Amino acid sequence: MRKLTFLILPLLLLAAACKKQHEFYGHLFEQPAYNFELTDHKGKVVKLSDYTRQSKIVFIFFGYTHCPDVCPTALETLAKVIKQLKPEEASKVQVLFISVDPDRDSPEVLRNYVPYFHPSFVGLWGSEESIRKIAQEYKAYYRKVEGESKGGYLVDHTATIYLITPDNRIKLLYTPAKQEPSKMAEDIRFLLKGL
């Protein structure tokens, strides 16, 4: 009987440990992240790896400042995620907003827009060619739609939020239906434990 207990106890402990495994809220993606180079809203040239090599989790969102609803909603969601974290956790997360409207979104425009949602957020600008390349690498869609706003056009674009881990991998995707701040914060807490 004692031998049987010694055999069963480890199996029960293993089963309990498996149950505590974190189930990610975001869609698991696990693909290499393209290490782009763009200009931040302060005029400094930065790379994705500038943030990941600091062991930061990076959120990337493709959008534009004239966006009437999707972009402000996504940035507000990300701000709520940051606010749900403890200060030491939040310091290990970086939000990058990549403009898909480089003609209107200069670094100065981004500087007046992106930090409004949270002071730590960074707006990124680049040439049309570089933005197109980055969007292709991340399989992000965007397209100008002429004559539908006061600014002359709107931009249809992907509304997915990408989560990049410090090993330069796209770990999770948060589609619009999966952008609940408290659950996104749980994913971050779990990932930070492994850093």
N, C-alpha and C. Protein backbone atom coordinates (compact mmCIF):
# COMPACT_ATOMS: atom_id res chain seq x y z
N MET A 1 0.83 -1.21 0.00
CA MET A 1 0.00 0.00 0.00
C MET A 1 0.87 1.26 0.00
N ARG A 2 1.94 1.22 0.83
CA ARG A 2 2.83 2.37 0.91
C ARG A 2 3.52 2.61 -0.43
N LYS A 3 3.91 1.54 -1.13
CA LYS A 3 4.55 1.66 -2.44
C LYS A 3 3.58 2.29 -3.43
N LEU A 4 2.33 1.89 -3.36
CA LEU A 4 1.31 2.43 -4.26
C LEU A 4 1.13 3.93 -4.01
N THR A 5 1.17 4.35 -2.74
CA THR A 5 1.06 5.77 -2.41
C THR A 5 2.21 6.56 -2.99
N PHE A 6 3.41 6.00 -2.90
CA PHE A 6 4.59 6.68 -3.44
C PHE A 6 4.52 6.81 -4.96
N LEU A 7 3.83 5.88 -5.62
CA LEU A 7 3.67 5.94 -7.08
C LEU A 7 2.57 6.92 -7.47
N ILE A 8 1.50 6.95 -6.73
CA ILE A 8 0.34 7.78 -7.09
C ILE A 8 0.56 9.25 -6.74
N LEU A 9 1.20 9.52 -5.59
CA LEU A 9 1.39 10.90 -5.15
C LEU A 9 2.09 11.77 -6.20
N PRO A 10 3.21 11.34 -6.79
CA PRO A 10 3.84 12.18 -7.82
C PRO A 10 2.93 12.43 -9.03
N LEU A 11 2.13 11.41 -9.38
CA LEU A 11 1.21 11.58 -10.51
C LEU A 11 0.13 12.62 -10.19
N LEU A 12 -0.36 12.61 -8.96
CA LEU A 12 -1.36 13.59 -8.55
C LEU A 12 -0.77 15.00 -8.54
N LEU A 13 0.48 15.13 -8.06
CA LEU A 13 1.15 16.43 -8.05
C LEU A 13 1.39 16.93 -9.48
N LEU A 14 1.75 16.04 -10.37
CA LEU A 14 1.97 16.40 -11.77
C LEU A 14 0.66 16.85 -12.41
N ALA A 15 -0.41 16.15 -12.13
CA ALA A 15 -1.72 16.52 -12.67
C ALA A 15 -2.15 17.89 -12.17
N ALA A 16 -1.90 18.17 -10.89
CA ALA A 16 -2.25 19.47 -10.32
C ALA A 16 -1.44 20.58 -10.96
N ALA A 17 -0.16 20.32 -11.22
CA ALA A 17 0.70 21.33 -11.86
C ALA A 17 0.23 21.62 -13.28
N CYS A 18 -0.20 20.57 -13.97
CA CYS A 18 -0.69 20.76 -15.35
C CYS A 18 -1.95 21.61 -15.38
N LYS A 19 -2.80 21.45 -14.39
CA LYS A 19 -4.03 22.23 -14.33
C LYS A 19 -3.75 23.72 -14.12
N LYS A 20 -2.63 24.03 -13.45
CA LYS A 20 -2.29 25.43 -13.18
C LYS A 20 -1.62 26.11 -14.38
N GLN A 21 -1.38 25.35 -15.46
CA GLN A 21 -0.76 25.91 -16.66
C GLN A 21 -1.63 27.05 -17.19
N HIS A 22 -0.98 28.14 -17.59
CA HIS A 22 -1.71 29.32 -18.05
C HIS A 22 -2.30 29.09 -19.44
N GLU A 23 -3.55 29.39 -19.58
CA GLU A 23 -4.20 29.34 -20.89
C GLU A 23 -4.26 30.77 -21.42
N PHE A 24 -3.51 31.03 -22.49
CA PHE A 24 -3.44 32.39 -23.02
C PHE A 24 -4.79 32.87 -23.53
N TYR A 25 -5.07 34.13 -23.24
CA TYR A 25 -6.29 34.77 -23.73
C TYR A 25 -6.11 35.14 -25.21
N GLY A 26 -4.95 35.70 -25.56
CA GLY A 26 -4.66 36.03 -26.96
C GLY A 26 -4.46 34.78 -27.78
N HIS A 27 -4.54 34.93 -29.10
CA HIS A 27 -4.32 33.81 -30.01
C HIS A 27 -2.83 33.50 -30.07
N LEU A 28 -2.46 32.28 -29.73
CA LEU A 28 -1.06 31.87 -29.78
C LEU A 28 -0.58 31.88 -31.23
N PHE A 29 0.54 32.54 -31.49
CA PHE A 29 1.03 32.70 -32.87
C PHE A 29 2.42 32.10 -33.05
N GLU A 30 3.36 32.47 -32.16
CA GLU A 30 4.70 31.88 -32.13
C GLU A 30 5.44 31.95 -33.47
N GLN A 31 5.63 33.17 -33.98
CA GLN A 31 6.39 33.37 -35.22
C GLN A 31 7.49 34.40 -34.96
N PRO A 32 8.60 34.35 -35.71
CA PRO A 32 9.65 35.36 -35.54
C PRO A 32 9.12 36.76 -35.84
N ALA A 33 9.57 37.73 -35.08
CA ALA A 33 9.16 39.13 -35.29
C ALA A 33 10.21 39.85 -36.13
N TYR A 34 9.76 40.51 -37.16
CA TYR A 34 10.66 41.27 -38.03
C TYR A 34 11.24 42.46 -37.25
N ASN A 35 12.56 42.59 -37.26
CA ASN A 35 13.23 43.64 -36.50
C ASN A 35 13.32 44.92 -37.34
N PHE A 36 12.24 45.67 -37.36
CA PHE A 36 12.16 46.90 -38.17
C PHE A 36 12.97 48.04 -37.57
N GLU A 37 13.18 49.07 -38.38
CA GLU A 37 13.85 50.31 -37.95
C GLU A 37 12.98 51.48 -38.42
N LEU A 38 12.55 52.32 -37.47
CA LEU A 38 11.69 53.46 -37.77
C LEU A 38 12.12 54.66 -36.91
N THR A 39 11.49 55.81 -37.14
CA THR A 39 11.77 57.01 -36.36
C THR A 39 10.68 57.19 -35.32
N ASP A 40 11.09 57.37 -34.06
CA ASP A 40 10.08 57.53 -33.01
C ASP A 40 9.56 58.98 -32.98
N HIS A 41 8.57 59.23 -32.14
CA HIS A 41 7.91 60.54 -32.15
C HIS A 41 8.80 61.65 -31.59
N LYS A 42 9.99 61.28 -31.11
CA LYS A 42 10.95 62.30 -30.67
C LYS A 42 12.03 62.54 -31.72
N GLY A 43 11.91 61.84 -32.85
CA GLY A 43 12.87 62.01 -33.94
C GLY A 43 14.06 61.08 -33.89
N LYS A 44 14.04 60.11 -32.98
CA LYS A 44 15.16 59.17 -32.83
C LYS A 44 14.88 57.90 -33.63
N VAL A 45 15.91 57.40 -34.33
CA VAL A 45 15.77 56.15 -35.07
C VAL A 45 15.89 54.99 -34.08
N VAL A 46 14.89 54.12 -34.10
CA VAL A 46 14.86 52.98 -33.17
C VAL A 46 14.55 51.70 -33.92
N LYS A 47 14.92 50.59 -33.29
CA LYS A 47 14.60 49.25 -33.81
C LYS A 47 13.73 48.53 -32.79
N LEU A 48 13.02 47.54 -33.23
CA LEU A 48 12.26 46.70 -32.31
C LEU A 48 13.19 46.11 -31.25
N SER A 49 14.36 45.67 -31.68
CA SER A 49 15.31 45.03 -30.76
C SER A 49 15.83 45.98 -29.68
N ASP A 50 15.71 47.30 -29.89
CA ASP A 50 16.09 48.25 -28.83
C ASP A 50 15.25 48.03 -27.58
N TYR A 51 14.02 47.58 -27.78
CA TYR A 51 13.11 47.35 -26.66
C TYR A 51 13.20 45.91 -26.15
N THR A 52 13.25 44.94 -27.08
CA THR A 52 13.26 43.55 -26.64
C THR A 52 14.55 43.19 -25.92
N ARG A 53 15.67 43.81 -26.30
CA ARG A 53 16.92 43.46 -25.61
C ARG A 53 16.95 44.04 -24.18
N GLN A 54 15.99 44.89 -23.86
CA GLN A 54 15.83 45.35 -22.48
C GLN A 54 14.90 44.41 -21.70
N SER A 55 14.64 43.24 -22.30
CA SER A 55 13.73 42.23 -21.73
C SER A 55 12.32 42.78 -21.57
N LYS A 56 11.90 43.60 -22.54
CA LYS A 56 10.54 44.15 -22.51
C LYS A 56 9.61 43.33 -23.40
N ILE A 57 8.37 43.24 -22.94
CA ILE A 57 7.31 42.73 -23.79
C ILE A 57 6.81 43.92 -24.59
N VAL A 58 6.66 43.75 -25.89
CA VAL A 58 6.29 44.86 -26.76
C VAL A 58 4.92 44.59 -27.40
N PHE A 59 4.04 45.57 -27.28
CA PHE A 59 2.79 45.55 -28.03
C PHE A 59 2.97 46.41 -29.27
N ILE A 60 2.55 45.92 -30.42
CA ILE A 60 2.60 46.70 -31.65
C ILE A 60 1.18 46.83 -32.19
N PHE A 61 0.85 48.06 -32.59
CA PHE A 61 -0.44 48.31 -33.24
C PHE A 61 -0.20 49.19 -34.46
N PHE A 62 -0.75 48.78 -35.60
CA PHE A 62 -0.67 49.57 -36.82
C PHE A 62 -1.92 50.44 -36.91
N GLY A 63 -1.73 51.77 -37.04
CA GLY A 63 -2.88 52.65 -37.11
C GLY A 63 -2.49 54.02 -37.64
N TYR A 64 -3.35 55.01 -37.41
CA TYR A 64 -3.06 56.38 -37.85
C TYR A 64 -3.85 57.37 -37.02
N THR A 65 -3.35 58.59 -36.94
CA THR A 65 -3.90 59.56 -35.99
C THR A 65 -5.26 60.12 -36.40
N HIS A 66 -5.61 60.06 -37.69
CA HIS A 66 -6.92 60.55 -38.13
C HIS A 66 -8.01 59.48 -38.02
N CYS A 67 -7.65 58.34 -37.49
CA CYS A 67 -8.59 57.22 -37.35
C CYS A 67 -9.73 57.63 -36.41
N PRO A 68 -10.97 57.48 -36.86
CA PRO A 68 -12.09 57.96 -36.05
C PRO A 68 -12.45 57.08 -34.85
N ASP A 69 -12.13 55.79 -34.89
CA ASP A 69 -12.60 54.94 -33.80
C ASP A 69 -11.69 53.78 -33.41
N VAL A 70 -11.24 52.99 -34.38
CA VAL A 70 -10.48 51.78 -34.07
C VAL A 70 -9.18 52.08 -33.32
N CYS A 71 -8.42 53.05 -33.81
CA CYS A 71 -7.12 53.36 -33.19
C CYS A 71 -7.26 53.93 -31.77
N PRO A 72 -8.12 54.92 -31.57
CA PRO A 72 -8.28 55.41 -30.20
C PRO A 72 -8.75 54.31 -29.24
N THR A 73 -9.62 53.43 -29.74
CA THR A 73 -10.11 52.33 -28.90
C THR A 73 -8.98 51.38 -28.54
N ALA A 74 -8.14 51.02 -29.52
CA ALA A 74 -7.03 50.11 -29.26
C ALA A 74 -6.02 50.73 -28.30
N LEU A 75 -5.69 51.99 -28.50
CA LEU A 75 -4.73 52.65 -27.61
C LEU A 75 -5.29 52.81 -26.19
N GLU A 76 -6.57 53.08 -26.10
CA GLU A 76 -7.21 53.18 -24.79
C GLU A 76 -7.20 51.82 -24.09
N THR A 77 -7.44 50.76 -24.86
CA THR A 77 -7.38 49.39 -24.32
C THR A 77 -5.99 49.10 -23.77
N LEU A 78 -4.96 49.45 -24.55
CA LEU A 78 -3.59 49.21 -24.11
C LEU A 78 -3.24 50.04 -22.88
N ALA A 79 -3.76 51.25 -22.81
CA ALA A 79 -3.55 52.08 -21.61
C ALA A 79 -4.18 51.42 -20.39
N LYS A 80 -5.35 50.82 -20.57
CA LYS A 80 -6.01 50.12 -19.46
C LYS A 80 -5.21 48.89 -19.03
N VAL A 81 -4.60 48.21 -20.01
CA VAL A 81 -3.75 47.07 -19.69
C VAL A 81 -2.59 47.52 -18.79
N ILE A 82 -1.92 48.59 -19.19
CA ILE A 82 -0.78 49.11 -18.43
C ILE A 82 -1.21 49.49 -17.01
N LYS A 83 -2.38 50.12 -16.89
CA LYS A 83 -2.87 50.56 -15.58
C LYS A 83 -3.22 49.39 -14.67
N GLN A 84 -3.50 48.22 -15.25
CA GLN A 84 -3.83 47.04 -14.44
C GLN A 84 -2.58 46.38 -13.86
N LEU A 85 -1.42 46.73 -14.40
CA LEU A 85 -0.18 46.12 -13.96
C LEU A 85 0.44 46.89 -12.80
N LYS A 86 1.22 46.20 -11.99
CA LYS A 86 2.00 46.87 -10.95
C LYS A 86 3.07 47.70 -11.65
N PRO A 87 3.56 48.77 -11.02
CA PRO A 87 4.57 49.62 -11.67
C PRO A 87 5.78 48.86 -12.18
N GLU A 88 6.26 47.87 -11.40
CA GLU A 88 7.44 47.11 -11.85
C GLU A 88 7.11 46.24 -13.06
N GLU A 89 5.86 45.79 -13.16
CA GLU A 89 5.44 45.01 -14.34
C GLU A 89 5.28 45.94 -15.54
N ALA A 90 4.63 47.07 -15.33
CA ALA A 90 4.39 48.03 -16.41
C ALA A 90 5.69 48.54 -17.03
N SER A 91 6.74 48.63 -16.20
CA SER A 91 8.03 49.12 -16.70
C SER A 91 8.68 48.14 -17.67
N LYS A 92 8.16 46.92 -17.73
CA LYS A 92 8.71 45.91 -18.63
C LYS A 92 7.83 45.70 -19.86
N VAL A 93 6.93 46.67 -20.11
CA VAL A 93 6.04 46.60 -21.27
C VAL A 93 6.18 47.88 -22.08
N GLN A 94 6.27 47.74 -23.39
CA GLN A 94 6.38 48.90 -24.28
C GLN A 94 5.32 48.81 -25.36
N VAL A 95 4.55 49.87 -25.54
CA VAL A 95 3.56 49.95 -26.62
C VAL A 95 4.14 50.79 -27.75
N LEU A 96 4.12 50.22 -28.96
CA LEU A 96 4.58 50.91 -30.16
C LEU A 96 3.42 51.06 -31.13
N PHE A 97 3.16 52.29 -31.53
CA PHE A 97 2.09 52.60 -32.48
C PHE A 97 2.76 52.94 -33.81
N ILE A 98 2.61 52.07 -34.80
CA ILE A 98 3.22 52.27 -36.12
C ILE A 98 2.21 52.92 -37.04
N SER A 99 2.52 54.12 -37.52
CA SER A 99 1.59 54.83 -38.39
C SER A 99 1.60 54.25 -39.80
N VAL A 100 0.40 53.98 -40.31
CA VAL A 100 0.24 53.52 -41.70
C VAL A 100 -0.17 54.69 -42.60
N ASP A 101 -0.01 55.90 -42.07
CA ASP A 101 -0.35 57.12 -42.82
C ASP A 101 0.82 58.11 -42.71
N PRO A 102 1.99 57.73 -43.26
CA PRO A 102 3.18 58.57 -43.07
C PRO A 102 3.08 59.96 -43.70
N ASP A 103 2.18 60.14 -44.67
CA ASP A 103 2.02 61.46 -45.29
C ASP A 103 1.49 62.49 -44.30
N ARG A 104 0.58 62.09 -43.44
CA ARG A 104 -0.02 63.02 -42.47
C ARG A 104 0.57 62.87 -41.07
N ASP A 105 1.03 61.67 -40.74
CA ASP A 105 1.51 61.41 -39.37
C ASP A 105 3.02 61.61 -39.26
N SER A 106 3.44 62.84 -39.22
CA SER A 106 4.86 63.14 -39.00
C SER A 106 5.21 62.78 -37.55
N PRO A 107 6.50 62.68 -37.22
CA PRO A 107 6.86 62.45 -35.81
C PRO A 107 6.24 63.49 -34.87
N GLU A 108 6.15 64.75 -35.32
CA GLU A 108 5.54 65.78 -34.47
C GLU A 108 4.07 65.50 -34.22
N VAL A 109 3.34 65.09 -35.26
CA VAL A 109 1.92 64.75 -35.10
C VAL A 109 1.79 63.57 -34.15
N LEU A 110 2.63 62.57 -34.33
CA LEU A 110 2.59 61.40 -33.44
C LEU A 110 2.93 61.78 -32.00
N ARG A 111 3.84 62.72 -31.83
CA ARG A 111 4.24 63.18 -30.48
C ARG A 111 3.07 63.83 -29.75
N ASN A 112 2.19 64.49 -30.49
CA ASN A 112 1.02 65.12 -29.88
C ASN A 112 -0.15 64.17 -29.69
N TYR A 113 -0.07 62.99 -30.30
CA TYR A 113 -1.20 62.06 -30.28
C TYR A 113 -0.96 60.84 -29.38
N VAL A 114 0.10 60.10 -29.65
CA VAL A 114 0.30 58.79 -29.01
C VAL A 114 0.47 58.88 -27.49
N PRO A 115 1.34 59.75 -26.95
CA PRO A 115 1.51 59.81 -25.49
C PRO A 115 0.26 60.31 -24.74
N TYR A 116 -0.70 60.86 -25.47
CA TYR A 116 -1.95 61.29 -24.83
C TYR A 116 -2.61 60.10 -24.13
N PHE A 117 -2.50 58.91 -24.72
CA PHE A 117 -3.14 57.72 -24.16
C PHE A 117 -2.36 57.18 -22.97
N HIS A 118 -1.03 57.26 -23.05
CA HIS A 118 -0.17 56.89 -21.93
C HIS A 118 1.21 57.47 -22.21
N PRO A 119 1.84 58.10 -21.21
CA PRO A 119 3.13 58.76 -21.46
C PRO A 119 4.25 57.82 -21.94
N SER A 120 4.12 56.54 -21.67
CA SER A 120 5.18 55.61 -22.08
C SER A 120 5.03 55.12 -23.53
N PHE A 121 3.88 55.37 -24.14
CA PHE A 121 3.63 54.89 -25.50
C PHE A 121 4.51 55.64 -26.50
N VAL A 122 4.95 54.92 -27.53
CA VAL A 122 5.82 55.50 -28.55
C VAL A 122 5.17 55.40 -29.92
N GLY A 123 5.11 56.54 -30.62
CA GLY A 123 4.62 56.57 -31.99
C GLY A 123 5.79 56.41 -32.94
N LEU A 124 5.61 55.61 -33.99
CA LEU A 124 6.69 55.35 -34.95
C LEU A 124 6.28 55.75 -36.36
N TRP A 125 7.23 56.37 -37.05
CA TRP A 125 7.01 56.88 -38.40
C TRP A 125 8.11 56.35 -39.32
N GLY A 126 7.76 56.17 -40.58
CA GLY A 126 8.75 55.77 -41.58
C GLY A 126 8.25 56.11 -42.97
N SER A 127 9.07 55.88 -43.96
CA SER A 127 8.67 56.12 -45.34
C SER A 127 7.56 55.15 -45.72
N GLU A 128 6.85 55.49 -46.77
CA GLU A 128 5.78 54.61 -47.27
C GLU A 128 6.35 53.22 -47.57
N GLU A 129 7.54 53.21 -48.17
CA GLU A 129 8.18 51.94 -48.54
C GLU A 129 8.50 51.09 -47.31
N SER A 130 9.06 51.73 -46.28
CA SER A 130 9.43 50.96 -45.08
C SER A 130 8.19 50.47 -44.33
N ILE A 131 7.14 51.30 -44.27
CA ILE A 131 5.90 50.88 -43.61
C ILE A 131 5.28 49.71 -44.35
N ARG A 132 5.28 49.78 -45.68
CA ARG A 132 4.72 48.68 -46.49
C ARG A 132 5.46 47.37 -46.21
N LYS A 133 6.79 47.45 -46.14
CA LYS A 133 7.61 46.26 -45.87
C LYS A 133 7.29 45.68 -44.49
N ILE A 134 7.22 46.54 -43.48
CA ILE A 134 6.93 46.08 -42.12
C ILE A 134 5.54 45.45 -42.06
N ALA A 135 4.57 46.11 -42.68
CA ALA A 135 3.19 45.58 -42.68
C ALA A 135 3.16 44.20 -43.34
N GLN A 136 3.89 44.03 -44.44
CA GLN A 136 3.95 42.73 -45.10
C GLN A 136 4.55 41.67 -44.18
N GLU A 137 5.62 42.04 -43.49
CA GLU A 137 6.28 41.08 -42.59
C GLU A 137 5.35 40.65 -41.45
N TYR A 138 4.49 41.57 -41.00
CA TYR A 138 3.57 41.26 -39.91
C TYR A 138 2.19 40.83 -40.41
N LYS A 139 2.08 40.72 -41.73
CA LYS A 139 0.80 40.34 -42.35
C LYS A 139 -0.33 41.28 -41.91
N ALA A 140 0.02 42.57 -41.83
CA ALA A 140 -0.95 43.61 -41.47
C ALA A 140 -1.43 44.28 -42.76
N TYR A 141 -2.71 44.51 -42.83
CA TYR A 141 -3.32 45.10 -44.02
C TYR A 141 -3.60 46.57 -43.79
N TYR A 142 -3.39 47.40 -44.81
CA TYR A 142 -3.87 48.78 -44.78
C TYR A 142 -4.03 49.30 -46.20
N ARG A 143 -5.00 50.20 -46.36
CA ARG A 143 -5.29 50.74 -47.69
C ARG A 143 -6.02 52.07 -47.54
N LYS A 144 -5.58 53.08 -48.32
CA LYS A 144 -6.26 54.38 -48.32
C LYS A 144 -7.64 54.25 -48.97
N VAL A 145 -8.60 54.94 -48.36
CA VAL A 145 -9.95 55.01 -48.93
C VAL A 145 -10.22 56.49 -49.18
N GLU A 146 -10.19 56.90 -50.43
CA GLU A 146 -10.26 58.32 -50.79
C GLU A 146 -11.62 58.96 -50.49
N GLY A 147 -11.55 60.25 -50.11
CA GLY A 147 -12.72 61.12 -50.03
C GLY A 147 -13.77 60.79 -49.00
N GLU A 148 -13.40 60.13 -47.91
CA GLU A 148 -14.41 59.76 -46.92
C GLU A 148 -14.25 60.46 -45.58
N SER A 149 -13.38 61.46 -45.52
CA SER A 149 -13.23 62.21 -44.28
C SER A 149 -12.81 63.63 -44.59
N LYS A 150 -12.82 64.49 -43.57
CA LYS A 150 -12.40 65.89 -43.75
C LYS A 150 -10.95 65.98 -44.20
N GLY A 151 -10.15 65.01 -43.77
CA GLY A 151 -8.74 65.00 -44.15
C GLY A 151 -8.51 64.52 -45.57
N GLY A 152 -9.58 64.16 -46.26
CA GLY A 152 -9.46 63.72 -47.64
C GLY A 152 -9.54 62.22 -47.83
N TYR A 153 -9.13 61.45 -46.82
CA TYR A 153 -9.21 59.99 -46.94
C TYR A 153 -9.15 59.34 -45.56
N LEU A 154 -9.64 58.13 -45.52
CA LEU A 154 -9.49 57.26 -44.35
C LEU A 154 -8.51 56.17 -44.73
N VAL A 155 -8.10 55.38 -43.76
CA VAL A 155 -7.23 54.24 -44.05
C VAL A 155 -7.84 53.00 -43.41
N ASP A 156 -8.24 52.06 -44.26
CA ASP A 156 -8.67 50.76 -43.74
C ASP A 156 -7.42 50.04 -43.27
N HIS A 157 -7.48 49.41 -42.10
CA HIS A 157 -6.29 48.73 -41.62
C HIS A 157 -6.63 47.62 -40.63
N THR A 158 -5.67 46.73 -40.46
CA THR A 158 -5.78 45.65 -39.49
C THR A 158 -5.94 46.23 -38.09
N ALA A 159 -6.83 45.64 -37.30
CA ALA A 159 -7.05 46.13 -35.94
C ALA A 159 -6.49 45.19 -34.89
N THR A 160 -5.59 44.32 -35.30
CA THR A 160 -4.97 43.35 -34.39
C THR A 160 -3.84 43.99 -33.60
N ILE A 161 -3.74 43.62 -32.33
CA ILE A 161 -2.62 44.03 -31.47
C ILE A 161 -1.67 42.84 -31.39
N TYR A 162 -0.39 43.10 -31.66
CA TYR A 162 0.64 42.06 -31.64
C TYR A 162 1.41 42.13 -30.32
N LEU A 163 1.66 40.97 -29.72
CA LEU A 163 2.49 40.92 -28.52
C LEU A 163 3.81 40.23 -28.88
N ILE A 164 4.91 40.96 -28.71
CA ILE A 164 6.25 40.46 -29.02
C ILE A 164 6.98 40.19 -27.71
N THR A 165 7.60 39.03 -27.60
CA THR A 165 8.36 38.68 -26.39
C THR A 165 9.83 39.07 -26.57
N PRO A 166 10.59 39.14 -25.46
CA PRO A 166 11.99 39.57 -25.55
C PRO A 166 12.89 38.71 -26.46
N ASP A 167 12.43 37.50 -26.80
CA ASP A 167 13.21 36.67 -27.71
C ASP A 167 12.88 36.97 -29.18
N ASN A 168 12.24 38.15 -29.39
CA ASN A 168 11.88 38.61 -30.74
C ASN A 168 10.95 37.66 -31.48
N ARG A 169 9.91 37.23 -30.77
CA ARG A 169 8.88 36.40 -31.38
C ARG A 169 7.52 37.04 -31.19
N ILE A 170 6.68 36.93 -32.22
CA ILE A 170 5.29 37.33 -32.09
C ILE A 170 4.61 36.19 -31.35
N LYS A 171 4.38 36.39 -30.08
CA LYS A 171 3.85 35.32 -29.23
C LYS A 171 2.33 35.22 -29.35
N LEU A 172 1.66 36.39 -29.26
CA LEU A 172 0.20 36.41 -29.22
C LEU A 172 -0.36 37.47 -30.15
N LEU A 173 -1.56 37.21 -30.65
CA LEU A 173 -2.32 38.17 -31.43
C LEU A 173 -3.63 38.45 -30.71
N TYR A 174 -3.95 39.73 -30.58
CA TYR A 174 -5.23 40.12 -29.97
C TYR A 174 -6.09 40.77 -31.05
N THR A 175 -7.00 39.99 -31.60
CA THR A 175 -7.95 40.52 -32.59
C THR A 175 -8.97 41.38 -31.85
N PRO A 176 -9.76 42.19 -32.56
CA PRO A 176 -10.71 43.08 -31.86
C PRO A 176 -11.63 42.38 -30.87
N ALA A 177 -12.00 41.15 -31.15
CA ALA A 177 -12.88 40.41 -30.23
C ALA A 177 -12.12 39.90 -29.00
N LYS A 178 -10.80 40.02 -29.03
CA LYS A 178 -9.96 39.53 -27.93
C LYS A 178 -9.12 40.66 -27.36
N GLN A 179 -9.74 41.77 -27.03
CA GLN A 179 -8.99 42.90 -26.49
C GLN A 179 -9.59 43.36 -25.16
N GLU A 180 -9.65 42.41 -24.23
CA GLU A 180 -10.15 42.67 -22.88
C GLU A 180 -8.95 42.97 -21.99
N PRO A 181 -8.81 44.23 -21.48
CA PRO A 181 -7.61 44.62 -20.74
C PRO A 181 -7.21 43.71 -19.59
N SER A 182 -8.16 43.28 -18.77
CA SER A 182 -7.80 42.47 -17.61
C SER A 182 -7.21 41.13 -18.02
N LYS A 183 -7.75 40.55 -19.09
CA LYS A 183 -7.25 39.25 -19.55
C LYS A 183 -5.91 39.39 -20.27
N MET A 184 -5.73 40.50 -20.98
CA MET A 184 -4.43 40.77 -21.61
C MET A 184 -3.36 40.96 -20.53
N ALA A 185 -3.74 41.63 -19.46
CA ALA A 185 -2.81 41.85 -18.34
C ALA A 185 -2.41 40.52 -17.69
N GLU A 186 -3.34 39.57 -17.63
CA GLU A 186 -3.02 38.24 -17.09
C GLU A 186 -1.97 37.55 -17.95
N ASP A 187 -2.12 37.66 -19.26
CA ASP A 187 -1.11 37.08 -20.17
C ASP A 187 0.26 37.69 -19.91
N ILE A 188 0.30 39.00 -19.74
CA ILE A 188 1.58 39.68 -19.49
C ILE A 188 2.19 39.21 -18.18
N ARG A 189 1.41 39.14 -17.13
CA ARG A 189 1.93 38.69 -15.83
C ARG A 189 2.53 37.30 -15.94
N PHE A 190 1.86 36.43 -16.66
CA PHE A 190 2.38 35.07 -16.82
C PHE A 190 3.71 35.10 -17.60
N LEU A 191 3.77 35.86 -18.67
CA LEU A 191 4.99 35.92 -19.47
C LEU A 191 6.15 36.55 -18.69
N LEU A 192 5.84 37.56 -17.88
CA LEU A 192 6.89 38.22 -17.11
C LEU A 192 7.51 37.28 -16.07
N LYS A 193 6.75 36.32 -15.59
CA LYS A 193 7.29 35.34 -14.63
C LYS A 193 8.42 34.53 -15.25
N GLY A 194 8.34 34.35 -16.56
CA GLY A 194 9.35 33.54 -17.24
C GLY A 194 10.58 34.32 -17.67
N LEU A 195 10.59 35.64 -17.43
CA LEU A 195 11.74 36.45 -17.87
C LEU A 195 12.83 36.48 -16.81
